[in-house]
Amino acid sequence: MYILIFILGIIIGSFLNVCIYRIPREESLAYPSSHCTYCSHPLKWHDLVPIFSFLSLRGRCRYCGGIISPQYPIVELLNGIIYLLAFYHFGLSIDFVFYSFLVSILIVISFIDYYHQIIPDGLILIILSSSIIYKALIYFVYKMPLSFSDSISSFIGAGILFIIIALVSNGGMGGGDIKLIAVLGFILGLKKTILNTLLSFLIGAVISVFLLLSGKKGRKDAIPFGPFINISFLISAFWGDRIILWYIKLMML
C-alpha cells in the first residue's frame, strides 16, 4: 500500500509542477499540453515519467538539450514522501485524503511564493473551501466532536496577529502571508496555530541566517515567508499534540 501511495504522490507531484509554472503566468493548466519551456516541443509520455525521466535524460531536454530544472523531481519526490507521512499518520481515511490534498496545494504555494513572492488568492480560497467541507463532513457525517468556535477564533486571531506584524514591520509581511496563516489557523485550531506561528518564525530565522551567511541572499533581498508557514503547518498538523505535550511537561519540571 505504501508503494501505491508513493506512486500516487509523485504522479500528482508532476501535475503540481505544471501548476507552479503556469498559475503565476495565468496560463491554462490543461492547454497546451506539456512542452519544453525552451524549444516548446511537445513532450511524449516517456518524457513525463515522474523522477525517472529526469534521471534518464540527465536533466536535459531530449529535443533541444535545454537544462531541466531540478525543481521537477524535487517537487515530485517531496509530494510522494509527504503523502507517505500522511498515510502513516492518518491511515486510509478522510483525514489522509484531506491532508494529502492540502499538502499538494501548500507545495504549489511555497514554490510560487519562493519564485514570485506572491500567494495567489485562488489557492487560498481552495484551502478555505476544502477545509470547510472537510470539517462539515467530520462533524455531520462522521459524528466526531469538533469546535467550530475554536476554528473561527484561530482564523481571526492568526489573521489579526499577522496584520499587526505587517504594520509594525512596514510591509515585511505580505497580504498573502496574512491570508495563508488565517486559513491554516482555521484548520489547526488555537493551540496548534500558536505552535505553527512560533515554528514559522523559528524556522524562518534559521533558514534566513543560513541564506545570508552562504551568500545566496543579501540583506536587501526579499525572503518569502510562505514556505516557512507551510513547513511549520505540516509539523504542527502531524506532530503538534506531541510537541505541545512535551513543552508542557518541560515547563512543569
C-alpha atoms as a PDB file:
ATOM      1  CA  MET A   1       0.000   0.000   0.000  1.00  0.00           C
ATOM      2  CA  TYR A   2       2.825   2.377   0.827  1.00  0.00           C
ATOM      3  CA  ILE A   3       4.281   1.904  -2.654  1.00  0.00           C
ATOM      4  CA  LEU A   4       0.933   2.780  -4.249  1.00  0.00           C
ATOM      5  CA  ILE A   5       0.605   5.870  -2.060  1.00  0.00           C
ATOM      6  CA  PHE A   6       4.113   6.994  -3.030  1.00  0.00           C
ATOM      7  CA  ILE A   7       3.438   6.429  -6.743  1.00  0.00           C
ATOM      8  CA  LEU A   8       0.206   8.420  -6.439  1.00  0.00           C
ATOM      9  CA  GLY A   9       2.139  11.193  -4.700  1.00  0.00           C
ATOM     10  CA  ILE A  10       4.834  11.532  -7.342  1.00  0.00           C
ATOM     11  CA  ILE A  11       2.291  11.386 -10.189  1.00  0.00           C
ATOM     12  CA  ILE A  12       0.308  14.222  -8.622  1.00  0.00           C
ATOM     13  CA  GLY A  13       3.630  15.941  -7.940  1.00  0.00           C
ATOM     14  CA  SER A  14       4.234  16.008 -11.683  1.00  0.00           C
ATOM     15  CA  PHE A  15       0.998  17.967 -12.129  1.00  0.00           C
ATOM     16  CA  LEU A  16       1.992  20.296  -9.313  1.00  0.00           C
ATOM     17  CA  ASN A  17       4.990  21.363 -11.391  1.00  0.00           C
ATOM     18  CA  VAL A  18       2.582  22.415 -14.130  1.00  0.00           C
ATOM     19  CA  CYS A  19       0.635  24.462 -11.576  1.00  0.00           C
ATOM     20  CA  ILE A  20       3.800  26.089 -10.210  1.00  0.00           C
ATOM     21  CA  TYR A  21       4.873  27.163 -13.690  1.00  0.00           C
ATOM     22  CA  ARG A  22       1.522  28.199 -15.180  1.00  0.00           C
ATOM     23  CA  ILE A  23      -0.535  29.713 -12.341  1.00  0.00           C
ATOM     24  CA  PRO A  24       1.689  32.808 -11.851  1.00  0.00           C
ATOM     25  CA  ARG A  25       1.655  33.322 -15.630  1.00  0.00           C
ATOM     26  CA  GLU A  26      -2.138  32.980 -15.669  1.00  0.00           C
ATOM     27  CA  GLU A  27      -1.927  30.186 -18.228  1.00  0.00           C
ATOM     28  CA  SER A  28      -4.365  27.308 -18.637  1.00  0.00           C
ATOM     29  CA  LEU A  29      -3.486  24.165 -16.705  1.00  0.00           C
ATOM     30  CA  ALA A  30      -4.941  21.980 -19.454  1.00  0.00           C
ATOM     31  CA  TYR A  31      -3.826  23.634 -22.691  1.00  0.00           C
ATOM     32  CA  PRO A  32      -1.382  23.459 -24.328  1.00  0.00           C
ATOM     33  CA  SER A  33      -0.092  20.017 -23.380  1.00  0.00           C
ATOM     34  CA  SER A  34       3.215  19.639 -21.565  1.00  0.00           C
ATOM     35  CA  HIS A  35       6.114  21.013 -23.582  1.00  0.00           C
ATOM     36  CA  CYS A  36       9.737  22.090 -23.189  1.00  0.00           C
ATOM     37  CA  THR A  37       9.941  25.642 -21.868  1.00  0.00           C
ATOM     38  CA  TYR A  38      12.992  26.265 -24.076  1.00  0.00           C
ATOM     39  CA  CYS A  39      12.053  24.876 -27.507  1.00  0.00           C
ATOM     40  CA  SER A  40       8.280  24.415 -26.932  1.00  0.00           C
ATOM     41  CA  HIS A  41       8.481  20.869 -28.327  1.00  0.00           C
ATOM     42  CA  PRO A  42       5.544  18.746 -27.058  1.00  0.00           C
ATOM     43  CA  LEU A  43       6.665  16.142 -24.551  1.00  0.00           C
ATOM     44  CA  LYS A  44       5.783  12.486 -25.027  1.00  0.00           C
ATOM     45  CA  TRP A  45       4.690  10.140 -22.258  1.00  0.00           C
ATOM     46  CA  HIS A  46       8.196   8.770 -21.723  1.00  0.00           C
ATOM     47  CA  ASP A  47       9.431  12.327 -21.146  1.00  0.00           C
ATOM     48  CA  LEU A  48       6.932  12.757 -18.307  1.00  0.00           C
ATOM     49  CA  VAL A  49       7.510   9.760 -16.058  1.00  0.00           C
ATOM     50  CA  PRO A  50       7.958  11.327 -12.591  1.00  0.00           C
ATOM     51  CA  ILE A  51      11.571  11.410 -11.336  1.00  0.00           C
ATOM     52  CA  PHE A  52      12.790   8.679 -13.722  1.00  0.00           C
ATOM     53  CA  SER A  53      12.504  10.778 -16.889  1.00  0.00           C
ATOM     54  CA  PHE A  54      14.640  13.485 -15.313  1.00  0.00           C
ATOM     55  CA  LEU A  55      17.279  10.941 -14.288  1.00  0.00           C
ATOM     56  CA  SER A  56      17.316   9.111 -17.633  1.00  0.00           C
ATOM     57  CA  LEU A  57      17.607  12.392 -19.540  1.00  0.00           C
ATOM     58  CA  ARG A  58      20.276  13.607 -17.098  1.00  0.00           C
ATOM     59  CA  GLY A  59      18.370  16.801 -16.513  1.00  0.00           C
ATOM     60  CA  ARG A  60      18.238  17.920 -20.142  1.00  0.00           C
ATOM     61  CA  CYS A  61      15.522  18.202 -22.781  1.00  0.00           C
ATOM     62  CA  ARG A  62      15.537  15.265 -25.207  1.00  0.00           C
ATOM     63  CA  TYR A  63      14.878  17.595 -28.149  1.00  0.00           C
ATOM     64  CA  CYS A  64      16.957  20.740 -27.618  1.00  0.00           C
ATOM     65  CA  GLY A  65      19.318  19.866 -24.768  1.00  0.00           C
ATOM     66  CA  GLY A  66      17.963  22.651 -22.587  1.00  0.00           C
ATOM     67  CA  ILE A  67      18.511  22.255 -18.838  1.00  0.00           C
ATOM     68  CA  ILE A  68      15.517  20.877 -16.913  1.00  0.00           C
ATOM     69  CA  SER A  69      15.163  22.495 -13.512  1.00  0.00           C
ATOM     70  CA  PRO A  70      15.815  20.107 -10.596  1.00  0.00           C
ATOM     71  CA  GLN A  71      12.622  21.568  -9.151  1.00  0.00           C
ATOM     72  CA  TYR A  72      10.655  18.983 -11.153  1.00  0.00           C
ATOM     73  CA  PRO A  73      11.948  15.800  -9.473  1.00  0.00           C
ATOM     74  CA  ILE A  74      12.201  17.613  -6.120  1.00  0.00           C
ATOM     75  CA  VAL A  75       8.507  18.525  -6.142  1.00  0.00           C
ATOM     76  CA  GLU A  76       7.517  15.030  -7.278  1.00  0.00           C
ATOM     77  CA  LEU A  77       9.641  13.343  -4.613  1.00  0.00           C
ATOM     78  CA  LEU A  78       8.548  15.793  -1.916  1.00  0.00           C
ATOM     79  CA  ASN A  79       4.873  15.235  -2.647  1.00  0.00           C
ATOM     80  CA  GLY A  80       5.361  11.455  -2.630  1.00  0.00           C
ATOM     81  CA  ILE A  81       7.218  11.487   0.692  1.00  0.00           C
ATOM     82  CA  ILE A  82       4.686  13.716   2.442  1.00  0.00           C
ATOM     83  CA  TYR A  83       1.838  11.537   1.134  1.00  0.00           C
ATOM     84  CA  LEU A  84       3.594   8.627   2.828  1.00  0.00           C
ATOM     85  CA  LEU A  85       3.874  10.606   6.077  1.00  0.00           C
ATOM     86  CA  ALA A  86       0.181  11.476   5.896  1.00  0.00           C
ATOM     87  CA  PHE A  87      -0.748   7.843   5.239  1.00  0.00           C
ATOM     88  CA  TYR A  88       1.461   6.663   8.113  1.00  0.00           C
ATOM     89  CA  HIS A  89      -0.085   9.237  10.438  1.00  0.00           C
ATOM     90  CA  PHE A  90      -3.767   9.004   9.453  1.00  0.00           C
ATOM     91  CA  GLY A  91      -4.141   5.679   7.678  1.00  0.00           C
ATOM     92  CA  LEU A  92      -6.568   5.312   4.775  1.00  0.00           C
ATOM     93  CA  SER A  93      -9.153   7.810   5.991  1.00  0.00           C
ATOM     94  CA  ILE A  94     -10.832  11.103   5.212  1.00  0.00           C
ATOM     95  CA  ASP A  95      -8.048  12.793   7.182  1.00  0.00           C
ATOM     96  CA  PHE A  96      -5.471  11.287   4.823  1.00  0.00           C
ATOM     97  CA  VAL A  97      -7.409  12.425   1.743  1.00  0.00           C
ATOM     98  CA  PHE A  98      -7.818  15.962   3.068  1.00  0.00           C
ATOM     99  CA  TYR A  99      -4.257  16.453   4.281  1.00  0.00           C
ATOM    100  CA  SER A 100      -2.777  14.918   1.133  1.00  0.00           C
ATOM    101  CA  PHE A 101      -4.803  17.336  -0.975  1.00  0.00           C
ATOM    102  CA  LEU A 102      -3.792  20.183   1.319  1.00  0.00           C
ATOM    103  CA  VAL A 103      -0.106  19.235   1.178  1.00  0.00           C
ATOM    104  CA  SER A 104      -0.170  19.441  -2.614  1.00  0.00           C
ATOM    105  CA  ILE A 105      -1.726  22.919  -2.539  1.00  0.00           C
ATOM    106  CA  LEU A 106       0.838  24.087   0.026  1.00  0.00           C
ATOM    107  CA  ILE A 107       3.724  22.807  -2.103  1.00  0.00           C
ATOM    108  CA  VAL A 108       2.410  24.821  -5.054  1.00  0.00           C
ATOM    109  CA  ILE A 109       2.032  27.903  -2.843  1.00  0.00           C
ATOM    110  CA  SER A 110       5.527  27.506  -1.407  1.00  0.00           C
ATOM    111  CA  PHE A 111       7.269  27.331  -4.775  1.00  0.00           C
ATOM    112  CA  ILE A 112       5.220  30.137  -6.311  1.00  0.00           C
ATOM    113  CA  ASP A 113       5.973  32.314  -3.293  1.00  0.00           C
ATOM    114  CA  TYR A 114       9.658  31.410  -3.498  1.00  0.00           C
ATOM    115  CA  TYR A 115       9.947  32.317  -7.188  1.00  0.00           C
ATOM    116  CA  HIS A 116       7.492  35.200  -7.458  1.00  0.00           C
ATOM    117  CA  GLN A 117       6.831  36.448  -3.889  1.00  0.00           C
ATOM    118  CA  ILE A 118       3.086  36.067  -4.360  1.00  0.00           C
ATOM    119  CA  ILE A 119       0.463  33.734  -2.918  1.00  0.00           C
ATOM    120  CA  PRO A 120      -2.478  33.502  -5.360  1.00  0.00           C
ATOM    121  CA  ASP A 121      -5.866  34.227  -3.779  1.00  0.00           C
ATOM    122  CA  GLY A 122      -7.380  31.361  -5.754  1.00  0.00           C
ATOM    123  CA  LEU A 123      -5.241  28.814  -3.912  1.00  0.00           C
ATOM    124  CA  ILE A 124      -6.143  30.373  -0.549  1.00  0.00           C
ATOM    125  CA  LEU A 125      -9.837  30.065  -1.440  1.00  0.00           C
ATOM    126  CA  ILE A 126      -9.346  26.410  -2.408  1.00  0.00           C
ATOM    127  CA  ILE A 127      -7.794  25.718   1.003  1.00  0.00           C
ATOM    128  CA  LEU A 128     -10.574  27.537   2.861  1.00  0.00           C
ATOM    129  CA  SER A 129     -13.445  25.942   0.942  1.00  0.00           C
ATOM    130  CA  SER A 130     -11.986  22.426   1.167  1.00  0.00           C
ATOM    131  CA  SER A 131     -11.362  22.936   4.899  1.00  0.00           C
ATOM    132  CA  ILE A 132     -14.980  23.937   5.499  1.00  0.00           C
ATOM    133  CA  ILE A 133     -16.184  20.865   3.583  1.00  0.00           C
ATOM    134  CA  TYR A 134     -13.746  18.633   5.492  1.00  0.00           C
ATOM    135  CA  LYS A 135     -14.838  19.929   8.896  1.00  0.00           C
ATOM    136  CA  ALA A 136     -18.506  19.677   7.932  1.00  0.00           C
ATOM    137  CA  LEU A 137     -18.031  16.029   6.917  1.00  0.00           C
ATOM    138  CA  ILE A 138     -16.150  15.276  10.131  1.00  0.00           C
ATOM    139  CA  TYR A 139     -18.926  16.794  12.254  1.00  0.00           C
ATOM    140  CA  PHE A 140     -22.128  15.915  10.409  1.00  0.00           C
ATOM    141  CA  VAL A 141     -21.272  12.648   8.621  1.00  0.00           C
ATOM    142  CA  TYR A 142     -18.664  11.025  10.853  1.00  0.00           C
ATOM    143  CA  LYS A 143     -20.222  12.464  14.040  1.00  0.00           C
ATOM    144  CA  MET A 144     -16.851  13.384  15.529  1.00  0.00           C
ATOM    145  CA  PRO A 145     -16.580  16.188  18.124  1.00  0.00           C
ATOM    146  CA  LEU A 146     -15.452  19.445  16.586  1.00  0.00           C
ATOM    147  CA  SER A 147     -15.260  23.037  17.814  1.00  0.00           C
ATOM    148  CA  PHE A 148     -16.152  25.496  15.064  1.00  0.00           C
ATOM    149  CA  SER A 149     -15.680  28.375  17.513  1.00  0.00           C
ATOM    150  CA  ASP A 150     -12.062  27.282  18.029  1.00  0.00           C
ATOM    151  CA  SER A 151     -11.502  27.234  14.265  1.00  0.00           C
ATOM    152  CA  ILE A 152     -13.073  30.643  13.749  1.00  0.00           C
ATOM    153  CA  SER A 153     -11.205  32.229  16.669  1.00  0.00           C
ATOM    154  CA  SER A 154      -7.934  30.809  15.308  1.00  0.00           C
ATOM    155  CA  PHE A 155      -8.765  32.144  11.841  1.00  0.00           C
ATOM    156  CA  ILE A 156      -9.426  35.643  13.193  1.00  0.00           C
ATOM    157  CA  GLY A 157      -6.622  35.630  15.771  1.00  0.00           C
ATOM    158  CA  ALA A 158      -3.912  34.458  13.378  1.00  0.00           C
ATOM    159  CA  GLY A 159      -5.027  36.945  10.742  1.00  0.00           C
ATOM    160  CA  ILE A 160      -5.034  39.882  13.170  1.00  0.00           C
ATOM    161  CA  LEU A 161      -1.624  38.918  14.586  1.00  0.00           C
ATOM    162  CA  PHE A 162      -0.041  38.876  11.127  1.00  0.00           C
ATOM    163  CA  ILE A 163      -1.746  42.146  10.184  1.00  0.00           C
ATOM    164  CA  ILE A 164      -0.121  43.722  13.241  1.00  0.00           C
ATOM    165  CA  ILE A 165       3.244  42.202  12.286  1.00  0.00           C
ATOM    166  CA  ALA A 166       2.838  43.534   8.731  1.00  0.00           C
ATOM    167  CA  LEU A 167       2.118  47.044  10.055  1.00  0.00           C
ATOM    168  CA  VAL A 168       4.962  47.003  12.590  1.00  0.00           C
ATOM    169  CA  SER A 169       7.446  45.610  10.049  1.00  0.00           C
ATOM    170  CA  ASN A 170       6.367  48.183   7.474  1.00  0.00           C
ATOM    171  CA  GLY A 171       5.443  45.648   4.824  1.00  0.00           C
ATOM    172  CA  GLY A 172       7.790  42.878   5.929  1.00  0.00           C
ATOM    173  CA  MET A 173       4.784  40.546   5.933  1.00  0.00           C
ATOM    174  CA  GLY A 174       2.674  40.357   2.773  1.00  0.00           C
ATOM    175  CA  GLY A 175      -1.079  40.112   2.373  1.00  0.00           C
ATOM    176  CA  GLY A 176      -0.732  36.572   1.066  1.00  0.00           C
ATOM    177  CA  ASP A 177       1.020  35.514   4.279  1.00  0.00           C
ATOM    178  CA  ILE A 178      -1.817  37.011   6.343  1.00  0.00           C
ATOM    179  CA  LYS A 179      -4.485  35.126   4.396  1.00  0.00           C
ATOM    180  CA  LEU A 180      -2.452  31.909   4.453  1.00  0.00           C
ATOM    181  CA  ILE A 181      -1.872  31.837   8.221  1.00  0.00           C
ATOM    182  CA  ALA A 182      -5.542  32.672   8.777  1.00  0.00           C
ATOM    183  CA  VAL A 183      -6.924  29.762   6.719  1.00  0.00           C
ATOM    184  CA  LEU A 184      -4.358  27.362   8.176  1.00  0.00           C
ATOM    185  CA  GLY A 185      -5.385  28.584  11.627  1.00  0.00           C
ATOM    186  CA  PHE A 186      -8.959  27.632  10.757  1.00  0.00           C
ATOM    187  CA  ILE A 187      -7.738  24.081  10.166  1.00  0.00           C
ATOM    188  CA  LEU A 188      -5.434  23.714  13.165  1.00  0.00           C
ATOM    189  CA  GLY A 189      -7.340  25.365  15.995  1.00  0.00           C
ATOM    190  CA  LEU A 190      -5.916  27.812  18.515  1.00  0.00           C
ATOM    191  CA  LYS A 191      -3.236  25.724  20.270  1.00  0.00           C
ATOM    192  CA  LYS A 192      -1.647  24.358  17.130  1.00  0.00           C
ATOM    193  CA  THR A 193      -1.924  27.737  15.416  1.00  0.00           C
ATOM    194  CA  ILE A 194       0.204  29.266  18.164  1.00  0.00           C
ATOM    195  CA  LEU A 195       2.713  26.455  17.621  1.00  0.00           C
ATOM    196  CA  ASN A 196       2.557  26.985  13.849  1.00  0.00           C
ATOM    197  CA  THR A 197       3.267  30.694  14.278  1.00  0.00           C
ATOM    198  CA  LEU A 198       6.193  30.181  16.650  1.00  0.00           C
ATOM    199  CA  LEU A 199       7.742  27.462  14.487  1.00  0.00           C
ATOM    200  CA  SER A 200       7.373  29.533  11.310  1.00  0.00           C
ATOM    201  CA  PHE A 201       9.387  32.376  12.819  1.00  0.00           C
ATOM    202  CA  LEU A 202      11.964  29.986  14.279  1.00  0.00           C
ATOM    203  CA  ILE A 203      12.429  28.054  11.030  1.00  0.00           C
ATOM    204  CA  GLY A 204      12.343  31.285   9.052  1.00  0.00           C
ATOM    205  CA  ALA A 205      15.079  32.807  11.215  1.00  0.00           C
ATOM    206  CA  VAL A 206      17.345  29.755  10.935  1.00  0.00           C
ATOM    207  CA  ILE A 207      16.978  29.410   7.163  1.00  0.00           C
ATOM    208  CA  SER A 208      17.295  33.166   6.583  1.00  0.00           C
ATOM    209  CA  VAL A 209      20.541  33.310   8.564  1.00  0.00           C
ATOM    210  CA  PHE A 210      21.857  30.348   6.575  1.00  0.00           C
ATOM    211  CA  LEU A 211      20.960  32.021   3.262  1.00  0.00           C
ATOM    212  CA  LEU A 212      22.651  35.250   4.334  1.00  0.00           C
ATOM    213  CA  LEU A 213      25.811  33.551   5.593  1.00  0.00           C
ATOM    214  CA  SER A 214      26.055  31.383   2.489  1.00  0.00           C
ATOM    215  CA  GLY A 215      25.737  34.430   0.261  1.00  0.00           C
ATOM    216  CA  LYS A 216      22.657  33.102  -1.524  1.00  0.00           C
ATOM    217  CA  LYS A 217      20.662  36.062  -0.257  1.00  0.00           C
ATOM    218  CA  GLY A 218      21.700  39.621   0.569  1.00  0.00           C
ATOM    219  CA  ARG A 219      20.389  41.805   3.393  1.00  0.00           C
ATOM    220  CA  LYS A 220      18.134  43.688   0.991  1.00  0.00           C
ATOM    221  CA  ASP A 221      16.832  40.579  -0.782  1.00  0.00           C
ATOM    222  CA  ALA A 222      13.256  39.532  -0.107  1.00  0.00           C
ATOM    223  CA  ILE A 223      12.894  36.140   1.562  1.00  0.00           C
ATOM    224  CA  PRO A 224       9.346  34.774   1.132  1.00  0.00           C
ATOM    225  CA  PHE A 225       7.683  33.749   4.386  1.00  0.00           C
ATOM    226  CA  GLY A 226       5.018  31.451   2.930  1.00  0.00           C
ATOM    227  CA  PRO A 227       7.238  28.345   2.763  1.00  0.00           C
ATOM    228  CA  PHE A 228       8.130  28.742   6.451  1.00  0.00           C
ATOM    229  CA  ILE A 229       4.441  28.931   7.382  1.00  0.00           C
ATOM    230  CA  ASN A 230       3.730  25.802   5.344  1.00  0.00           C
ATOM    231  CA  ILE A 231       6.611  23.759   6.762  1.00  0.00           C
ATOM    232  CA  SER A 232       5.545  24.712  10.278  1.00  0.00           C
ATOM    233  CA  PHE A 233       1.931  23.857   9.486  1.00  0.00           C
ATOM    234  CA  LEU A 234       2.855  20.309   8.482  1.00  0.00           C
ATOM    235  CA  ILE A 235       4.900  19.846  11.648  1.00  0.00           C
ATOM    236  CA  SER A 236       2.028  21.232  13.737  1.00  0.00           C
ATOM    237  CA  ALA A 237      -0.613  19.125  11.970  1.00  0.00           C
ATOM    238  CA  PHE A 238       1.289  15.838  12.169  1.00  0.00           C
ATOM    239  CA  TRP A 239       3.155  16.165  15.460  1.00  0.00           C
ATOM    240  CA  GLY A 240       1.636  19.241  17.147  1.00  0.00           C
ATOM    241  CA  ASP A 241      -0.031  17.350  20.001  1.00  0.00           C
ATOM    242  CA  ARG A 242       3.237  15.613  20.927  1.00  0.00           C
ATOM    243  CA  ILE A 243       5.244  18.842  20.757  1.00  0.00           C
ATOM    244  CA  ILE A 244       2.724  20.734  22.925  1.00  0.00           C
ATOM    245  CA  LEU A 245       2.610  17.900  25.475  1.00  0.00           C
ATOM    246  CA  TRP A 246       6.423  17.757  25.554  1.00  0.00           C
ATOM    247  CA  TYR A 247       6.583  21.525  26.127  1.00  0.00           C
ATOM    248  CA  ILE A 248       4.019  21.387  28.955  1.00  0.00           C
ATOM    249  CA  LYS A 249       5.989  18.602  30.675  1.00  0.00           C
ATOM    250  CA  LEU A 250       9.192  20.583  30.233  1.00  0.00           C
ATOM    251  CA  MET A 251       7.630  23.648  31.865  1.00  0.00           C
ATOM    252  CA  MET A 252       6.458  21.543  34.809  1.00  0.00           C
ATOM    253  CA  LEU A 253       9.967  20.325  35.672  1.00  0.00           C
END
